[in-house]
């Protein structure tokens, strides 16, 4: 499952960022496709990006945007959530792939189980993505995309770094804000060497949103309790700190399928949930 999933992640990352002329010219694609959100965290300003980042677009709806546009963006995110849940994180998000590749580099690893730190991403979602754009809009007449502006390491890596490498004028204008975001990106890269997907687990507001859909999304991790022998293999292999035998719909589960691959009795399966057929007994 791991190698095929990595290949799928790589293909989707390339497809989402396949305007290669942007990397050569140092320009951002601004065609009609930028009106559409891609499912994962993929920066609008990445030189090769064809679409928009859901979190960047969601912040934009809290400024002067109309209710129609607001419903359009939130509706797209909800659609991705209902269809895939956090499978988006495990299979489609380019920044998730980058963290996984960094984790594969040989180094001492720190395994973190369930922790209250995972609630931090919900605070980031509430404060930086929703409240601050709304509050600054009311005070200054326009809301800023505060998460993108102050935090997002994906945007720094995918957009700021390549654009500055290609544009001398941008390098000359770089100030303390770019230095701050470069520090956050460096911290994310270093921590990804020893902790599995630290940004996804503790910071990403998009993961927080999709996690809320894990219980009702079409793509489900299904657990058969009557088959399980409670050997603990699934819990031991999960790098996201989830026990599938306790909660197969845990908001932290990214549907990677590692637990499915190691289960010796096939008590776990990944895909569309089975249709529950109710048996009726006819008595005379």
Protein backbone atom coordinates (compact mmCIF):
# COMPACT_ATOMS: atom_id res chain seq x y z
CA UNK A 1 0.00 0.00 0.00
CA UNK A 2 2.80 2.42 0.91
CA UNK A 3 4.63 2.42 -2.43
CA UNK A 4 1.44 2.63 -4.50
CA UNK A 5 0.12 5.44 -2.29
CA UNK A 6 3.39 7.35 -2.64
CA UNK A 7 3.21 7.00 -6.42
CA UNK A 8 -0.37 8.26 -6.40
CA UNK A 9 0.62 11.22 -4.20
CA UNK A 10 3.45 12.06 -6.57
CA UNK A 11 1.23 11.96 -9.64
CA UNK A 12 -1.46 14.15 -8.07
CA UNK A 13 1.16 16.64 -6.83
CA UNK A 14 2.57 16.98 -10.35
CA UNK A 15 -0.87 17.31 -11.92
CA UNK A 16 -1.81 20.10 -9.50
CA UNK A 17 1.42 21.98 -10.28
CA UNK A 18 2.02 21.18 -13.93
CA UNK A 19 2.21 24.70 -15.37
CA UNK A 20 5.96 24.26 -15.74
CA UNK A 21 6.37 27.58 -17.56
CA UNK A 22 5.67 29.29 -14.24
CA UNK A 23 8.79 27.77 -12.69
CA UNK A 24 10.87 28.95 -15.65
CA UNK A 25 9.46 32.48 -15.79
CA UNK A 26 8.83 33.10 -12.11
CA UNK A 27 5.18 33.93 -12.77
CA UNK A 28 1.95 32.68 -11.23
CA UNK A 29 -0.80 31.20 -13.40
CA UNK A 30 -3.89 33.44 -13.25
CA UNK A 31 -6.22 31.67 -15.68
CA UNK A 32 -9.85 30.67 -15.13
CA UNK A 33 -8.86 27.43 -13.38
CA UNK A 34 -7.64 29.47 -10.39
CA UNK A 35 -11.29 30.00 -9.46
CA UNK A 36 -11.45 26.31 -8.47
CA UNK A 37 -10.04 24.92 -5.21
CA UNK A 38 -7.91 21.80 -5.30
CA UNK A 39 -8.55 19.35 -2.43
CA UNK A 40 -5.17 19.57 -0.65
CA UNK A 41 -2.97 22.31 0.75
CA UNK A 42 -1.48 23.63 -2.49
CA UNK A 43 -0.59 27.32 -2.54
CA UNK A 44 -2.35 29.64 -5.01
CA UNK A 45 0.96 31.44 -5.60
CA UNK A 46 2.98 28.33 -6.43
CA UNK A 47 4.39 29.07 -9.93
CA UNK A 48 3.06 25.79 -11.31
CA UNK A 49 -0.34 25.69 -9.57
CA UNK A 50 -3.46 25.50 -11.71
CA UNK A 51 -5.94 25.88 -8.85
CA UNK A 52 -6.42 27.59 -5.50
CA UNK A 53 -5.71 26.41 -1.96
CA UNK A 54 -8.90 25.68 0.02
CA UNK A 55 -7.60 27.45 3.13
CA UNK A 56 -6.50 30.53 1.19
CA UNK A 57 -9.88 30.65 -0.54
CA UNK A 58 -11.74 30.15 2.73
CA UNK A 59 -9.94 33.14 4.26
CA UNK A 60 -10.80 35.18 1.20
CA UNK A 61 -14.51 34.65 1.73
CA UNK A 62 -14.30 36.48 5.05
CA UNK A 63 -13.33 39.80 3.48
CA UNK A 64 -15.56 41.67 1.03
CA UNK A 65 -16.62 38.57 -0.92
CA UNK A 66 -20.30 38.03 -1.58
CA UNK A 67 -22.31 35.31 0.13
CA UNK A 68 -22.55 33.47 -3.19
CA UNK A 69 -18.78 33.12 -3.47
CA UNK A 70 -18.62 32.23 0.22
CA UNK A 71 -21.07 29.37 -0.25
CA UNK A 72 -19.21 28.23 -3.36
CA UNK A 73 -15.87 27.90 -1.56
CA UNK A 74 -17.25 26.33 1.60
CA UNK A 75 -19.40 24.05 -0.55
CA UNK A 76 -16.37 22.77 -2.45
CA UNK A 77 -14.50 22.06 0.77
CA UNK A 78 -17.55 20.26 2.17
CA UNK A 79 -17.81 18.22 -1.04
CA UNK A 80 -14.19 17.09 -0.72
CA UNK A 81 -14.84 16.28 2.92
CA UNK A 82 -17.98 14.24 2.25
CA UNK A 83 -16.37 12.31 -0.58
CA UNK A 84 -12.93 11.67 0.92
CA UNK A 85 -12.58 12.97 4.49
CA UNK A 86 -8.93 12.92 5.54
CA UNK A 87 -8.08 10.60 2.67
CA UNK A 88 -7.28 13.94 1.00
CA UNK A 89 -4.42 14.30 3.50
CA UNK A 90 -3.17 10.78 2.95
CA UNK A 91 -3.46 10.55 -0.82
CA UNK A 92 -3.68 13.99 -2.48
CA UNK A 93 -2.08 16.78 -0.42
CA UNK A 94 1.37 17.72 -1.81
CA UNK A 95 2.66 19.05 1.50
CA UNK A 96 1.68 15.80 3.19
CA UNK A 97 3.81 13.96 0.64
CA UNK A 98 6.78 16.23 1.34
CA UNK A 99 6.57 15.52 5.07
CA UNK A 100 6.37 11.78 4.45
CA UNK A 101 9.43 11.80 2.20
CA UNK A 102 11.37 13.74 4.82
CA UNK A 103 10.34 11.20 7.48
CA UNK A 104 11.80 8.40 5.36
CA UNK A 105 15.28 9.89 5.66
CA UNK A 106 17.24 7.76 8.10
CA UNK A 107 17.34 9.42 11.51
CA UNK A 108 16.23 8.83 15.07
CA UNK A 109 12.42 8.87 15.18
CA UNK A 110 10.11 10.16 17.89
CA UNK A 111 6.81 8.32 18.03
CA UNK A 112 3.95 10.39 19.44
CA UNK A 113 0.70 8.74 20.45
CA UNK A 114 -2.63 10.46 21.12
CA UNK A 115 -1.91 13.89 22.53
CA UNK A 116 -3.85 17.09 23.31
CA UNK A 117 -1.49 18.87 20.89
CA UNK A 118 -3.62 17.59 18.03
CA UNK A 119 -6.32 20.05 19.15
CA UNK A 120 -3.99 22.93 18.22
CA UNK A 121 -5.02 22.74 14.57
CA UNK A 122 -8.64 23.45 15.51
CA UNK A 123 -7.48 26.60 17.34
CA UNK A 124 -5.47 27.61 14.26
CA UNK A 125 -8.58 27.09 12.11
CA UNK A 126 -10.81 29.12 14.44
CA UNK A 127 -8.41 31.99 15.14
CA UNK A 128 -6.23 32.49 12.04
CA UNK A 129 -8.53 31.24 9.28
CA UNK A 130 -11.92 32.49 10.52
CA UNK A 131 -11.83 35.02 13.38
CA UNK A 132 -8.86 37.21 12.46
CA UNK A 133 -9.94 37.78 8.83
CA UNK A 134 -13.42 38.67 10.08
CA UNK A 135 -12.17 41.00 12.81
CA UNK A 136 -9.67 42.82 10.61
CA UNK A 137 -12.32 43.22 7.94
CA UNK A 138 -14.62 44.92 10.42
CA UNK A 139 -11.83 47.22 11.67
CA UNK A 140 -9.92 48.00 8.47
CA UNK A 141 -12.54 47.27 5.82
CA UNK A 142 -10.64 44.29 4.39
CA UNK A 143 -9.58 40.98 5.90
CA UNK A 144 -6.09 39.55 5.52
CA UNK A 145 -5.38 35.84 4.95
CA UNK A 146 -3.61 35.57 8.30
CA UNK A 147 -2.79 31.88 8.20
CA UNK A 148 -1.18 32.20 4.77
CA UNK A 149 0.51 35.45 5.73
CA UNK A 150 1.94 34.44 9.11
CA UNK A 151 2.21 30.65 9.27
CA UNK A 152 1.70 28.41 6.24
CA UNK A 153 4.99 26.55 5.57
CA UNK A 154 3.47 24.95 2.47
CA UNK A 155 3.05 28.39 0.90
CA UNK A 156 6.60 29.35 1.85
CA UNK A 157 8.04 26.22 0.23
CA UNK A 158 5.78 26.07 -2.81
CA UNK A 159 5.52 29.79 -3.59
CA UNK A 160 7.78 32.20 -1.71
CA UNK A 161 11.03 30.25 -2.08
CA UNK A 162 10.77 29.51 -5.85
CA UNK A 163 9.43 32.97 -6.70
CA UNK A 164 12.22 34.69 -4.80
CA UNK A 165 14.78 32.43 -6.41
CA UNK A 166 13.52 33.52 -9.82
CA UNK A 167 12.85 37.22 -9.12
CA UNK A 168 15.62 39.52 -7.90
CA UNK A 169 13.09 42.27 -7.11
CA UNK A 170 11.25 39.98 -4.70
CA UNK A 171 14.50 39.02 -2.98
CA UNK A 172 15.26 42.68 -2.45
CA UNK A 173 11.84 43.26 -0.89
CA UNK A 174 12.07 40.32 1.52
CA UNK A 175 11.88 41.43 5.13
CA UNK A 176 11.21 40.13 8.61
CA UNK A 177 7.98 38.39 7.61
CA UNK A 178 9.74 36.18 5.07
CA UNK A 179 12.49 35.47 7.60
CA UNK A 180 9.85 34.45 10.15
CA UNK A 181 8.07 32.15 7.70
CA UNK A 182 11.37 30.67 6.57
CA UNK A 183 12.09 29.87 10.21
CA UNK A 184 8.73 28.11 10.53
CA UNK A 185 9.39 26.17 7.33
CA UNK A 186 12.83 25.11 8.61
CA UNK A 187 11.28 23.98 11.90
CA UNK A 188 8.67 21.98 9.99
CA UNK A 189 11.31 20.32 7.82
CA UNK A 190 13.54 19.43 10.77
CA UNK A 191 10.65 18.09 12.84
CA UNK A 192 9.41 16.05 9.86
CA UNK A 193 12.68 14.14 9.92
CA UNK A 194 11.88 12.71 13.36
CA UNK A 195 8.07 13.05 13.72
CA UNK A 196 5.59 11.70 11.20
CA UNK A 197 3.67 14.56 9.54
CA UNK A 198 4.00 17.07 12.40
CA UNK A 199 2.32 19.89 10.49
CA UNK A 200 -0.63 17.68 9.51
CA UNK A 201 -1.09 16.38 13.04
CA UNK A 202 -0.75 19.57 15.05
CA UNK A 203 -1.14 22.68 12.87
CA UNK A 204 -2.96 22.17 9.55
CA UNK A 205 -6.43 23.80 9.56
CA UNK A 206 -7.41 21.92 6.40
CA UNK A 207 -6.75 18.63 8.15
CA UNK A 208 -8.90 19.89 11.02
CA UNK A 209 -11.80 20.48 8.61
CA UNK A 210 -11.50 17.16 6.81
CA UNK A 211 -11.16 15.32 10.13
CA UNK A 212 -14.67 16.46 11.01
CA UNK A 213 -15.95 14.57 7.96
CA UNK A 214 -14.21 11.27 8.72
CA UNK A 215 -17.32 9.73 10.29
CA UNK A 216 -19.53 10.36 7.26
CA UNK A 217 -17.22 10.45 4.23
CA UNK A 218 -17.67 7.96 1.41
CA UNK A 219 -14.11 6.65 1.83
CA UNK A 220 -14.13 4.75 5.11
CA UNK A 221 -11.84 2.57 7.17
CA UNK A 222 -14.12 -0.30 8.15
CA UNK A 223 -13.46 -2.44 11.21
CA UNK A 224 -14.97 -5.90 11.71
CA UNK A 225 -15.03 -6.45 15.44
CA UNK A 226 -16.15 -10.07 15.20
CA UNK A 227 -13.04 -10.86 13.11
CA UNK A 228 -10.48 -8.91 15.17
CA UNK A 229 -8.15 -10.87 17.49
CA UNK A 230 -6.93 -7.69 19.23
CA UNK A 231 -3.29 -8.45 18.41
CA UNK A 232 -2.44 -4.71 18.36
CA UNK A 233 -0.67 -4.82 14.98
CA UNK A 234 -2.84 -2.02 13.54
CA UNK A 235 -2.17 0.30 16.48
CA UNK A 236 1.55 -0.42 16.39
CA UNK A 237 1.87 0.47 12.70
CA UNK A 238 -0.23 3.67 12.78
CA UNK A 239 2.05 6.71 12.71
CA UNK A 240 -0.86 9.10 13.32
CA UNK A 241 -1.46 7.76 16.82
CA UNK A 242 -4.79 6.09 16.03
CA UNK A 243 -6.12 2.77 17.35
CA UNK A 244 -8.33 1.55 14.47
CA UNK A 245 -9.82 -1.20 16.62
CA UNK A 246 -11.24 1.47 18.94
CA UNK A 247 -12.13 4.22 16.48
CA UNK A 248 -11.86 3.52 12.76
CA UNK A 249 -13.41 6.94 12.09
CA UNK A 250 -10.92 8.87 14.25
CA UNK A 251 -10.43 12.45 12.93
CA UNK A 252 -6.66 11.84 12.87
CA UNK A 253 -6.88 8.88 10.46
CA UNK A 254 -5.60 9.86 7.01
CA UNK A 255 -6.75 6.59 5.39
CA UNK A 256 -3.20 5.58 4.46
CA UNK A 257 -4.05 1.87 4.63
CA UNK A 258 -1.00 0.77 6.62
CA UNK A 259 -3.21 -0.86 9.26
CA UNK A 260 -5.14 -2.71 6.56
CA UNK A 261 -1.91 -4.12 5.14
CA UNK A 262 -0.64 -5.51 8.46
CA UNK A 263 -3.88 -6.95 9.86
CA UNK A 264 -3.35 -10.75 9.94
CA UNK A 265 -7.07 -11.59 9.96
CA UNK A 266 -8.31 -8.92 7.51
CA UNK A 267 -10.48 -7.22 10.10
CA UNK A 268 -9.85 -3.84 8.47
CA UNK A 269 -10.70 -2.65 4.98
CA UNK A 270 -10.38 0.68 3.18
CA UNK A 271 -12.90 1.97 0.67
CA UNK A 272 -16.62 2.53 0.40
CA UNK A 273 -18.44 1.33 3.53
CA UNK A 274 -20.37 -1.91 3.11
CA UNK A 275 -24.10 -1.62 2.62
CA UNK A 276 -25.89 -2.84 5.70
CA UNK A 277 -28.73 -5.06 4.61
CA UNK A 278 -31.42 -5.59 7.16
CA UNK A 279 -32.84 -9.09 7.28
CA UNK A 280 -36.52 -9.45 7.80
CA UNK A 281 -38.15 -12.60 9.06
CA UNK A 282 -41.67 -13.39 7.96
CA UNK A 283 -43.64 -15.40 10.46
CA UNK A 284 -47.02 -16.91 10.00
